[in-house]
Amino acid sequence: MKAFLLSFLLFLPALSLAQENTPLPTFLHGQLLNANNQESIPFAHIVNISQKKGAVSDEIGFFSINAQQGDTLCFRVLGYKTDTITLSRTQLEAISAKFRLVEETQKLANVNIYSYDNSAMFRKKPEPYYIPGINMKVPAKDDTLLNKPHSPKAYEYALGALSSPMTAMYTAFSKREKEKRKMAKVLYEEQQEQLTNQKFNKYFSPEAISKLLNIETEEAEAFLAHLKPSPFAVNQLGHSEIIMNIINQYGAFLEQEPQLAKKVNNTDSLPLLQD
């Protein structure tokens, strides 16, 4: 019996040394739980800050991620406090390590509601906003042009949720953000319509036609009434194409109006409108 105990005591250091030299697994399996009621936490973001890798827990809170002893893990999910831990050997060797997060209460600011007897203030017409490039009388410059609004896709919201879940949720579902996207689309369409009208008036106003074709303003108005150009069709053409189209259409117009053709033959050649 004494010999057995002596052999066991001599074997303990070797066993301990063997355990220390045993290579640790490089994959962590764990589950996220609510610290209060031990319920699973689904769809949480787990980030290994040391290795710059991440994972998402499933419907019952389980996850797997590449990790080593001493790595720093960050747990983040909506409704819970963000927690950061340093991975220990025991957690890494466990079949399924348990990690518990504390719920975070979102407190809203107080809202004061007052009543007013004067209902006329609610019928007051709001003053128009000054929007550069939209309600200006001068043509819009390049630095005032609005970019076409971009509607974020689902995967873009998902990527944003990895870095800031609260901001991503607010941007995706809040009424204010939806109104901002709708207003940006309206402003862009209004500006495009204004730019189209500016281009149309540059070539198809009575004054522009009179200068281009060297005719009287009354004759230019009669020609425009016959031509009936469309602003949206003109917007697809370049400067030279518009000029040639006007001249060709005016030639066809003169064939239908012989009296105007005699007046044109007595005038100089038609000058071209310069940019």
C-alpha atoms as a PDB file:
ATOM      1  CA  MET A   1       0.000   0.000   0.000  1.00  0.00           C
ATOM      2  CA  LYS A   2       2.830   2.359   0.881  1.00  0.00           C
ATOM      3  CA  ALA A   3       4.537   1.527  -2.377  1.00  0.00           C
ATOM      4  CA  PHE A   4       1.359   2.369  -4.284  1.00  0.00           C
ATOM      5  CA  LEU A   5       0.974   5.733  -2.537  1.00  0.00           C
ATOM      6  CA  LEU A   6       4.624   6.541  -3.160  1.00  0.00           C
ATOM      7  CA  SER A   7       4.263   5.706  -6.857  1.00  0.00           C
ATOM      8  CA  PHE A   8       1.085   7.807  -7.092  1.00  0.00           C
ATOM      9  CA  LEU A   9       2.775  10.834  -5.497  1.00  0.00           C
ATOM     10  CA  LEU A  10       5.708  10.528  -7.866  1.00  0.00           C
ATOM     11  CA  PHE A  11       3.344  10.280 -10.835  1.00  0.00           C
ATOM     12  CA  LEU A  12       1.338  13.428  -9.975  1.00  0.00           C
ATOM     13  CA  PRO A  13       3.967  15.989 -11.165  1.00  0.00           C
ATOM     14  CA  ALA A  14       4.358  14.130 -14.446  1.00  0.00           C
ATOM     15  CA  LEU A  15       0.578  14.096 -14.924  1.00  0.00           C
ATOM     16  CA  SER A  16       0.338  17.815 -14.186  1.00  0.00           C
ATOM     17  CA  LEU A  17       3.182  18.558 -16.609  1.00  0.00           C
ATOM     18  CA  ALA A  18       1.497  16.475 -19.302  1.00  0.00           C
ATOM     19  CA  GLN A  19      -1.727  18.442 -18.882  1.00  0.00           C
ATOM     20  CA  GLU A  20       0.128  21.750 -19.192  1.00  0.00           C
ATOM     21  CA  ASN A  21       1.850  20.601 -22.369  1.00  0.00           C
ATOM     22  CA  THR A  22      -1.383  19.345 -23.933  1.00  0.00           C
ATOM     23  CA  PRO A  23      -2.272  21.697 -26.832  1.00  0.00           C
ATOM     24  CA  LEU A  24      -5.460  23.684 -26.238  1.00  0.00           C
ATOM     25  CA  PRO A  25      -8.297  23.664 -28.750  1.00  0.00           C
ATOM     26  CA  THR A  26      -8.468  26.689 -31.061  1.00  0.00           C
ATOM     27  CA  PHE A  27     -12.249  26.700 -31.386  1.00  0.00           C
ATOM     28  CA  LEU A  28     -14.577  27.965 -28.648  1.00  0.00           C
ATOM     29  CA  HIS A  29     -18.095  26.555 -28.307  1.00  0.00           C
ATOM     30  CA  GLY A  30     -20.401  28.460 -25.999  1.00  0.00           C
ATOM     31  CA  GLN A  31     -23.886  29.695 -25.194  1.00  0.00           C
ATOM     32  CA  LEU A  32     -25.158  33.129 -24.215  1.00  0.00           C
ATOM     33  CA  LEU A  33     -27.647  33.285 -21.333  1.00  0.00           C
ATOM     34  CA  ASN A  34     -29.654  35.951 -19.559  1.00  0.00           C
ATOM     35  CA  ALA A  35     -27.999  36.590 -16.194  1.00  0.00           C
ATOM     36  CA  ASN A  36     -31.387  37.000 -14.465  1.00  0.00           C
ATOM     37  CA  ASN A  37     -33.536  34.117 -15.721  1.00  0.00           C
ATOM     38  CA  GLN A  38     -30.951  31.932 -17.523  1.00  0.00           C
ATOM     39  CA  GLU A  39     -32.862  32.161 -20.814  1.00  0.00           C
ATOM     40  CA  SER A  40     -30.884  31.883 -24.035  1.00  0.00           C
ATOM     41  CA  ILE A  41     -29.997  35.042 -25.969  1.00  0.00           C
ATOM     42  CA  PRO A  42     -30.426  34.590 -29.740  1.00  0.00           C
ATOM     43  CA  PHE A  43     -28.727  36.492 -32.575  1.00  0.00           C
ATOM     44  CA  ALA A  44     -26.010  38.147 -30.480  1.00  0.00           C
ATOM     45  CA  HIS A  45     -22.740  39.369 -31.988  1.00  0.00           C
ATOM     46  CA  ILE A  46     -19.561  37.758 -30.651  1.00  0.00           C
ATOM     47  CA  VAL A  47     -16.318  39.444 -31.717  1.00  0.00           C
ATOM     48  CA  ASN A  48     -12.819  38.092 -31.058  1.00  0.00           C
ATOM     49  CA  ILE A  49     -10.989  41.405 -30.772  1.00  0.00           C
ATOM     50  CA  SER A  50      -7.568  39.748 -30.598  1.00  0.00           C
ATOM     51  CA  GLN A  51      -7.989  37.848 -33.882  1.00  0.00           C
ATOM     52  CA  LYS A  52     -10.459  40.280 -35.517  1.00  0.00           C
ATOM     53  CA  LYS A  53     -13.024  37.558 -36.138  1.00  0.00           C
ATOM     54  CA  GLY A  54     -16.726  37.393 -35.370  1.00  0.00           C
ATOM     55  CA  ALA A  55     -19.749  35.120 -35.093  1.00  0.00           C
ATOM     56  CA  VAL A  56     -23.492  35.304 -34.406  1.00  0.00           C
ATOM     57  CA  SER A  57     -25.370  33.115 -31.926  1.00  0.00           C
ATOM     58  CA  ASP A  58     -28.229  30.945 -33.212  1.00  0.00           C
ATOM     59  CA  GLU A  59     -31.884  30.799 -32.107  1.00  0.00           C
ATOM     60  CA  ILE A  60     -31.005  29.216 -28.738  1.00  0.00           C
ATOM     61  CA  GLY A  61     -27.865  31.238 -28.029  1.00  0.00           C
ATOM     62  CA  PHE A  62     -25.181  28.747 -29.151  1.00  0.00           C
ATOM     63  CA  PHE A  63     -22.141  29.954 -31.092  1.00  0.00           C
ATOM     64  CA  SER A  64     -18.704  28.804 -32.265  1.00  0.00           C
ATOM     65  CA  ILE A  65     -15.700  31.030 -32.929  1.00  0.00           C
ATOM     66  CA  ASN A  66     -11.956  30.704 -33.468  1.00  0.00           C
ATOM     67  CA  ALA A  67     -10.214  31.611 -30.197  1.00  0.00           C
ATOM     68  CA  GLN A  68      -7.161  30.918 -28.049  1.00  0.00           C
ATOM     69  CA  GLN A  69      -6.368  31.314 -24.380  1.00  0.00           C
ATOM     70  CA  GLY A  70      -5.940  34.996 -23.505  1.00  0.00           C
ATOM     71  CA  ASP A  71      -8.027  36.303 -26.421  1.00  0.00           C
ATOM     72  CA  THR A  72     -10.428  39.166 -25.715  1.00  0.00           C
ATOM     73  CA  LEU A  73     -14.061  38.450 -26.607  1.00  0.00           C
ATOM     74  CA  CYS A  74     -16.786  41.081 -26.890  1.00  0.00           C
ATOM     75  CA  PHE A  75     -20.501  40.207 -26.622  1.00  0.00           C
ATOM     76  CA  ARG A  76     -23.001  42.671 -28.044  1.00  0.00           C
ATOM     77  CA  VAL A  77     -26.758  42.365 -28.506  1.00  0.00           C
ATOM     78  CA  LEU A  78     -29.687  44.748 -28.454  1.00  0.00           C
ATOM     79  CA  GLY A  79     -31.286  45.027 -24.996  1.00  0.00           C
ATOM     80  CA  TYR A  80     -28.216  43.851 -23.044  1.00  0.00           C
ATOM     81  CA  LYS A  81     -25.107  45.546 -21.732  1.00  0.00           C
ATOM     82  CA  THR A  82     -22.023  45.003 -23.858  1.00  0.00           C
ATOM     83  CA  ASP A  83     -19.578  42.701 -22.057  1.00  0.00           C
ATOM     84  CA  THR A  84     -15.879  42.033 -22.693  1.00  0.00           C
ATOM     85  CA  ILE A  85     -13.953  39.074 -21.226  1.00  0.00           C
ATOM     86  CA  THR A  86     -10.488  37.542 -21.449  1.00  0.00           C
ATOM     87  CA  LEU A  87     -10.765  33.885 -22.437  1.00  0.00           C
ATOM     88  CA  SER A  88      -9.430  31.452 -19.826  1.00  0.00           C
ATOM     89  CA  ARG A  89      -8.130  27.907 -20.254  1.00  0.00           C
ATOM     90  CA  THR A  90     -11.160  26.453 -18.454  1.00  0.00           C
ATOM     91  CA  GLN A  91     -13.609  28.195 -20.783  1.00  0.00           C
ATOM     92  CA  LEU A  92     -11.678  27.089 -23.852  1.00  0.00           C
ATOM     93  CA  GLU A  93     -11.577  23.436 -22.734  1.00  0.00           C
ATOM     94  CA  ALA A  94     -15.276  23.308 -21.817  1.00  0.00           C
ATOM     95  CA  ILE A  95     -17.630  21.444 -24.134  1.00  0.00           C
ATOM     96  CA  SER A  96     -20.012  24.399 -24.064  1.00  0.00           C
ATOM     97  CA  ALA A  97     -18.959  27.439 -22.038  1.00  0.00           C
ATOM     98  CA  LYS A  98     -21.728  29.577 -20.555  1.00  0.00           C
ATOM     99  CA  PHE A  99     -21.582  33.360 -20.843  1.00  0.00           C
ATOM    100  CA  ARG A 100     -24.160  35.535 -19.093  1.00  0.00           C
ATOM    101  CA  LEU A 101     -25.204  39.059 -20.068  1.00  0.00           C
ATOM    102  CA  VAL A 102     -27.067  41.605 -17.951  1.00  0.00           C
ATOM    103  CA  GLU A 103     -30.190  43.240 -19.357  1.00  0.00           C
ATOM    104  CA  GLU A 104     -29.982  46.964 -20.073  1.00  0.00           C
ATOM    105  CA  THR A 105     -33.017  49.190 -19.562  1.00  0.00           C
ATOM    106  CA  GLN A 106     -33.481  51.936 -22.129  1.00  0.00           C
ATOM    107  CA  LYS A 107     -34.830  55.018 -20.381  1.00  0.00           C
ATOM    108  CA  LEU A 108     -36.775  57.540 -22.445  1.00  0.00           C
ATOM    109  CA  ALA A 109     -36.694  61.253 -21.759  1.00  0.00           C
ATOM    110  CA  ASN A 110     -39.741  62.943 -20.281  1.00  0.00           C
ATOM    111  CA  VAL A 111     -42.230  64.441 -22.727  1.00  0.00           C
ATOM    112  CA  ASN A 112     -44.336  67.431 -21.660  1.00  0.00           C
ATOM    113  CA  ILE A 113     -47.651  67.972 -23.467  1.00  0.00           C
ATOM    114  CA  TYR A 114     -49.459  71.311 -23.244  1.00  0.00           C
ATOM    115  CA  SER A 115     -52.821  72.433 -24.612  1.00  0.00           C
ATOM    116  CA  TYR A 116     -53.415  75.697 -26.487  1.00  0.00           C
ATOM    117  CA  ASP A 117     -56.741  77.494 -26.821  1.00  0.00           C
ATOM    118  CA  ASN A 118     -55.691  79.369 -29.957  1.00  0.00           C
ATOM    119  CA  SER A 119     -56.256  76.915 -32.808  1.00  0.00           C
ATOM    120  CA  ALA A 120     -55.221  79.447 -35.453  1.00  0.00           C
ATOM    121  CA  MET A 121     -51.563  78.647 -34.890  1.00  0.00           C
ATOM    122  CA  PHE A 122     -52.115  75.147 -36.280  1.00  0.00           C
ATOM    123  CA  ARG A 123     -53.467  76.614 -39.530  1.00  0.00           C
ATOM    124  CA  LYS A 124     -50.486  78.879 -40.041  1.00  0.00           C
ATOM    125  CA  LYS A 125     -48.791  78.157 -43.329  1.00  0.00           C
ATOM    126  CA  PRO A 126     -45.131  77.275 -42.732  1.00  0.00           C
ATOM    127  CA  GLU A 127     -42.514  79.408 -44.408  1.00  0.00           C
ATOM    128  CA  PRO A 128     -40.743  77.746 -47.339  1.00  0.00           C
ATOM    129  CA  TYR A 129     -37.279  76.383 -46.742  1.00  0.00           C
ATOM    130  CA  TYR A 130     -34.330  77.682 -48.708  1.00  0.00           C
ATOM    131  CA  ILE A 131     -32.868  74.670 -50.490  1.00  0.00           C
ATOM    132  CA  PRO A 132     -29.694  75.341 -52.527  1.00  0.00           C
ATOM    133  CA  GLY A 133     -30.024  74.111 -56.081  1.00  0.00           C
ATOM    134  CA  ILE A 134     -33.815  73.690 -55.874  1.00  0.00           C
ATOM    135  CA  ASN A 135     -35.587  77.021 -55.377  1.00  0.00           C
ATOM    136  CA  MET A 136     -32.795  79.232 -56.702  1.00  0.00           C
ATOM    137  CA  LYS A 137     -33.500  81.456 -59.691  1.00  0.00           C
ATOM    138  CA  VAL A 138     -30.044  80.960 -61.169  1.00  0.00           C
ATOM    139  CA  PRO A 139     -29.120  77.645 -62.828  1.00  0.00           C
ATOM    140  CA  ALA A 140     -27.740  75.063 -60.417  1.00  0.00           C
ATOM    141  CA  LYS A 141     -23.967  74.670 -60.301  1.00  0.00           C
ATOM    142  CA  ASP A 142     -22.093  71.393 -60.094  1.00  0.00           C
ATOM    143  CA  ASP A 143     -21.430  71.739 -56.374  1.00  0.00           C
ATOM    144  CA  THR A 144     -25.142  72.227 -55.615  1.00  0.00           C
ATOM    145  CA  LEU A 145     -26.427  69.214 -57.550  1.00  0.00           C
ATOM    146  CA  LEU A 146     -28.070  66.561 -55.418  1.00  0.00           C
ATOM    147  CA  ASN A 147     -26.981  62.953 -55.695  1.00  0.00           C
ATOM    148  CA  LYS A 148     -29.568  60.321 -56.525  1.00  0.00           C
ATOM    149  CA  PRO A 149     -30.845  58.866 -53.221  1.00  0.00           C
ATOM    150  CA  HIS A 150     -29.687  55.361 -52.391  1.00  0.00           C
ATOM    151  CA  SER A 151     -32.089  52.939 -50.724  1.00  0.00           C
ATOM    152  CA  PRO A 152     -30.073  50.676 -48.380  1.00  0.00           C
ATOM    153  CA  LYS A 153     -30.417  46.939 -48.916  1.00  0.00           C
ATOM    154  CA  ALA A 154     -31.000  44.340 -46.208  1.00  0.00           C
ATOM    155  CA  TYR A 155     -27.376  43.172 -46.206  1.00  0.00           C
ATOM    156  CA  GLU A 156     -26.196  46.772 -45.738  1.00  0.00           C
ATOM    157  CA  TYR A 157     -28.334  47.075 -42.604  1.00  0.00           C
ATOM    158  CA  ALA A 158     -26.893  43.745 -41.403  1.00  0.00           C
ATOM    159  CA  LEU A 159     -23.323  44.975 -41.888  1.00  0.00           C
ATOM    160  CA  GLY A 160     -24.154  48.174 -40.004  1.00  0.00           C
ATOM    161  CA  ALA A 161     -25.662  46.169 -37.150  1.00  0.00           C
ATOM    162  CA  LEU A 162     -22.292  44.497 -36.513  1.00  0.00           C
ATOM    163  CA  SER A 163     -20.695  47.804 -35.531  1.00  0.00           C
ATOM    164  CA  SER A 164     -23.703  49.678 -34.110  1.00  0.00           C
ATOM    165  CA  PRO A 165     -26.936  47.685 -33.652  1.00  0.00           C
ATOM    166  CA  MET A 166     -28.923  50.587 -32.162  1.00  0.00           C
ATOM    167  CA  THR A 167     -28.042  52.947 -35.014  1.00  0.00           C
ATOM    168  CA  ALA A 168     -28.811  50.300 -37.636  1.00  0.00           C
ATOM    169  CA  MET A 169     -32.217  49.519 -36.093  1.00  0.00           C
ATOM    170  CA  TYR A 170     -33.060  53.222 -35.848  1.00  0.00           C
ATOM    171  CA  THR A 171     -32.027  53.906 -39.456  1.00  0.00           C
ATOM    172  CA  ALA A 172     -33.985  50.934 -40.785  1.00  0.00           C
ATOM    173  CA  PHE A 173     -37.277  51.263 -38.905  1.00  0.00           C
ATOM    174  CA  SER A 174     -37.668  54.767 -37.434  1.00  0.00           C
ATOM    175  CA  LYS A 175     -40.337  57.021 -38.915  1.00  0.00           C
ATOM    176  CA  ARG A 176     -37.960  59.972 -39.005  1.00  0.00           C
ATOM    177  CA  GLU A 177     -35.376  58.154 -41.156  1.00  0.00           C
ATOM    178  CA  LYS A 178     -38.087  56.944 -43.532  1.00  0.00           C
ATOM    179  CA  GLU A 179     -39.337  60.521 -43.905  1.00  0.00           C
ATOM    180  CA  LYS A 180     -35.775  61.730 -44.558  1.00  0.00           C
ATOM    181  CA  ARG A 181     -35.298  59.152 -47.330  1.00  0.00           C
ATOM    182  CA  LYS A 182     -38.671  60.064 -48.827  1.00  0.00           C
ATOM    183  CA  MET A 183     -37.855  63.798 -48.715  1.00  0.00           C
ATOM    184  CA  ALA A 184     -34.431  63.239 -50.304  1.00  0.00           C
ATOM    185  CA  LYS A 185     -36.115  61.392 -53.179  1.00  0.00           C
ATOM    186  CA  VAL A 186     -38.678  64.188 -53.640  1.00  0.00           C
ATOM    187  CA  LEU A 187     -35.995  66.909 -53.619  1.00  0.00           C
ATOM    188  CA  TYR A 188     -33.877  64.996 -56.125  1.00  0.00           C
ATOM    189  CA  GLU A 189     -36.829  64.528 -58.499  1.00  0.00           C
ATOM    190  CA  GLU A 190     -37.791  68.213 -58.182  1.00  0.00           C
ATOM    191  CA  GLN A 191     -34.251  69.303 -58.987  1.00  0.00           C
ATOM    192  CA  GLN A 192     -34.066  66.994 -62.008  1.00  0.00           C
ATOM    193  CA  GLU A 193     -37.349  68.431 -63.262  1.00  0.00           C
ATOM    194  CA  GLN A 194     -36.042  71.968 -62.748  1.00  0.00           C
ATOM    195  CA  LEU A 195     -32.818  71.203 -64.635  1.00  0.00           C
ATOM    196  CA  THR A 196     -34.848  69.663 -67.469  1.00  0.00           C
ATOM    197  CA  ASN A 197     -37.003  72.796 -67.697  1.00  0.00           C
ATOM    198  CA  GLN A 198     -33.909  75.011 -67.686  1.00  0.00           C
ATOM    199  CA  LYS A 199     -32.419  73.074 -70.593  1.00  0.00           C
ATOM    200  CA  PHE A 200     -35.737  73.144 -72.435  1.00  0.00           C
ATOM    201  CA  ASN A 201     -36.155  76.923 -72.032  1.00  0.00           C
ATOM    202  CA  LYS A 202     -32.576  77.486 -73.195  1.00  0.00           C
ATOM    203  CA  TYR A 203     -33.432  76.127 -76.646  1.00  0.00           C
ATOM    204  CA  PHE A 204     -37.208  76.295 -76.999  1.00  0.00           C
ATOM    205  CA  SER A 205     -38.255  79.658 -75.615  1.00  0.00           C
ATOM    206  CA  PRO A 206     -39.542  82.151 -78.253  1.00  0.00           C
ATOM    207  CA  GLU A 207     -36.491  84.348 -77.647  1.00  0.00           C
ATOM    208  CA  ALA A 208     -34.034  81.443 -78.116  1.00  0.00           C
ATOM    209  CA  ILE A 209     -35.776  80.277 -81.316  1.00  0.00           C
ATOM    210  CA  SER A 210     -35.889  83.855 -82.632  1.00  0.00           C
ATOM    211  CA  LYS A 211     -32.144  84.276 -82.057  1.00  0.00           C
ATOM    212  CA  LEU A 212     -31.239  80.870 -83.492  1.00  0.00           C
ATOM    213  CA  LEU A 213     -33.320  81.126 -86.674  1.00  0.00           C
ATOM    214  CA  ASN A 214     -33.050  84.923 -87.075  1.00  0.00           C
ATOM    215  CA  ILE A 215     -36.809  85.378 -87.207  1.00  0.00           C
ATOM    216  CA  GLU A 216     -39.357  87.533 -85.423  1.00  0.00           C
ATOM    217  CA  THR A 217     -40.669  86.509 -82.023  1.00  0.00           C
ATOM    218  CA  GLU A 218     -44.202  86.072 -83.405  1.00  0.00           C
ATOM    219  CA  GLU A 219     -42.906  83.666 -86.053  1.00  0.00           C
ATOM    220  CA  ALA A 220     -40.939  81.784 -83.382  1.00  0.00           C
ATOM    221  CA  GLU A 221     -44.115  81.396 -81.317  1.00  0.00           C
ATOM    222  CA  ALA A 222     -45.969  80.052 -84.359  1.00  0.00           C
ATOM    223  CA  PHE A 223     -43.148  77.584 -85.024  1.00  0.00           C
ATOM    224  CA  LEU A 224     -43.166  76.382 -81.392  1.00  0.00           C
ATOM    225  CA  ALA A 225     -46.939  75.936 -81.527  1.00  0.00           C
ATOM    226  CA  HIS A 226     -46.414  73.723 -84.576  1.00  0.00           C
ATOM    227  CA  LEU A 227     -43.401  71.840 -83.137  1.00  0.00           C
ATOM    228  CA  LYS A 228     -44.764  71.157 -79.607  1.00  0.00           C
ATOM    229  CA  PRO A 229     -41.441  69.859 -78.194  1.00  0.00           C
ATOM    230  CA  SER A 230     -41.342  67.684 -75.078  1.00  0.00           C
ATOM    231  CA  PRO A 231     -38.983  68.707 -72.224  1.00  0.00           C
ATOM    232  CA  PHE A 232     -38.232  65.081 -71.328  1.00  0.00           C
ATOM    233  CA  ALA A 233     -37.380  64.176 -74.939  1.00  0.00           C
ATOM    234  CA  VAL A 234     -35.089  67.212 -75.219  1.00  0.00           C
ATOM    235  CA  ASN A 235     -33.291  66.193 -72.030  1.00  0.00           C
ATOM    236  CA  GLN A 236     -31.944  63.069 -73.777  1.00  0.00           C
ATOM    237  CA  LEU A 237     -30.287  65.056 -76.618  1.00  0.00           C
ATOM    238  CA  GLY A 238     -27.006  66.962 -76.796  1.00  0.00           C
ATOM    239  CA  HIS A 239     -26.443  70.560 -77.931  1.00  0.00           C
ATOM    240  CA  SER A 240     -25.637  69.783 -81.578  1.00  0.00           C
ATOM    241  CA  GLU A 241     -28.504  67.298 -81.894  1.00  0.00           C
ATOM    242  CA  ILE A 242     -30.999  69.848 -80.574  1.00  0.00           C
ATOM    243  CA  ILE A 243     -29.774  72.583 -82.963  1.00  0.00           C
ATOM    244  CA  MET A 244     -29.934  70.303 -86.026  1.00  0.00           C
ATOM    245  CA  ASN A 245     -33.356  69.035 -85.003  1.00  0.00           C
ATOM    246  CA  ILE A 246     -34.699  72.601 -84.680  1.00  0.00           C
ATOM    247  CA  ILE A 247     -33.306  73.613 -88.085  1.00  0.00           C
ATOM    248  CA  ASN A 248     -34.700  70.493 -89.790  1.00  0.00           C
ATOM    249  CA  GLN A 249     -38.091  70.936 -88.154  1.00  0.00           C
ATOM    250  CA  TYR A 250     -38.151  74.599 -89.139  1.00  0.00           C
ATOM    251  CA  GLY A 251     -37.412  73.658 -92.768  1.00  0.00           C
ATOM    252  CA  ALA A 252     -40.369  71.277 -92.729  1.00  0.00           C
ATOM    253  CA  PHE A 253     -42.478  74.005 -91.129  1.00  0.00           C
ATOM    254  CA  LEU A 254     -41.611  76.471 -93.923  1.00  0.00           C
ATOM    255  CA  GLU A 255     -42.758  73.976 -96.551  1.00  0.00           C
ATOM    256  CA  GLN A 256     -46.186  74.060 -94.945  1.00  0.00           C
ATOM    257  CA  GLU A 257     -46.144  77.876 -94.612  1.00  0.00           C
ATOM    258  CA  PRO A 258     -45.084  79.376 -98.011  1.00  0.00           C
ATOM    259  CA  GLN A 259     -45.628  82.945 -96.832  1.00  0.00           C
ATOM    260  CA  LEU A 260     -43.064  82.547 -94.065  1.00  0.00           C
ATOM    261  CA  ALA A 261     -40.633  80.926 -96.509  1.00  0.00           C
ATOM    262  CA  LYS A 262     -40.591  84.103 -98.649  1.00  0.00           C
ATOM    263  CA  LYS A 263     -39.672  86.179 -95.613  1.00  0.00           C
ATOM    264  CA  VAL A 264     -36.875  83.814 -94.663  1.00  0.00           C
ATOM    265  CA  ASN A 265     -35.396  83.878 -98.191  1.00  0.00           C
ATOM    266  CA  ASN A 266     -34.991  87.637 -97.897  1.00  0.00           C
ATOM    267  CA  THR A 267     -33.010  87.344 -94.629  1.00  0.00           C
ATOM    268  CA  ASP A 268     -29.438  86.319 -93.914  1.00  0.00           C
ATOM    269  CA  SER A 269     -28.373  82.727 -93.263  1.00  0.00           C
ATOM    270  CA  LEU A 270     -29.451  81.149 -89.989  1.00  0.00           C
ATOM    271  CA  PRO A 271     -26.920  81.651 -87.165  1.00  0.00           C
ATOM    272  CA  LEU A 272     -26.263  78.849 -84.719  1.00  0.00           C
ATOM    273  CA  LEU A 273     -26.803  79.353 -81.007  1.00  0.00           C
ATOM    274  CA  GLN A 274     -23.535  78.934 -79.100  1.00  0.00           C
ATOM    275  CA  ASP A 275     -23.173  77.185 -75.757  1.00  0.00           C
END
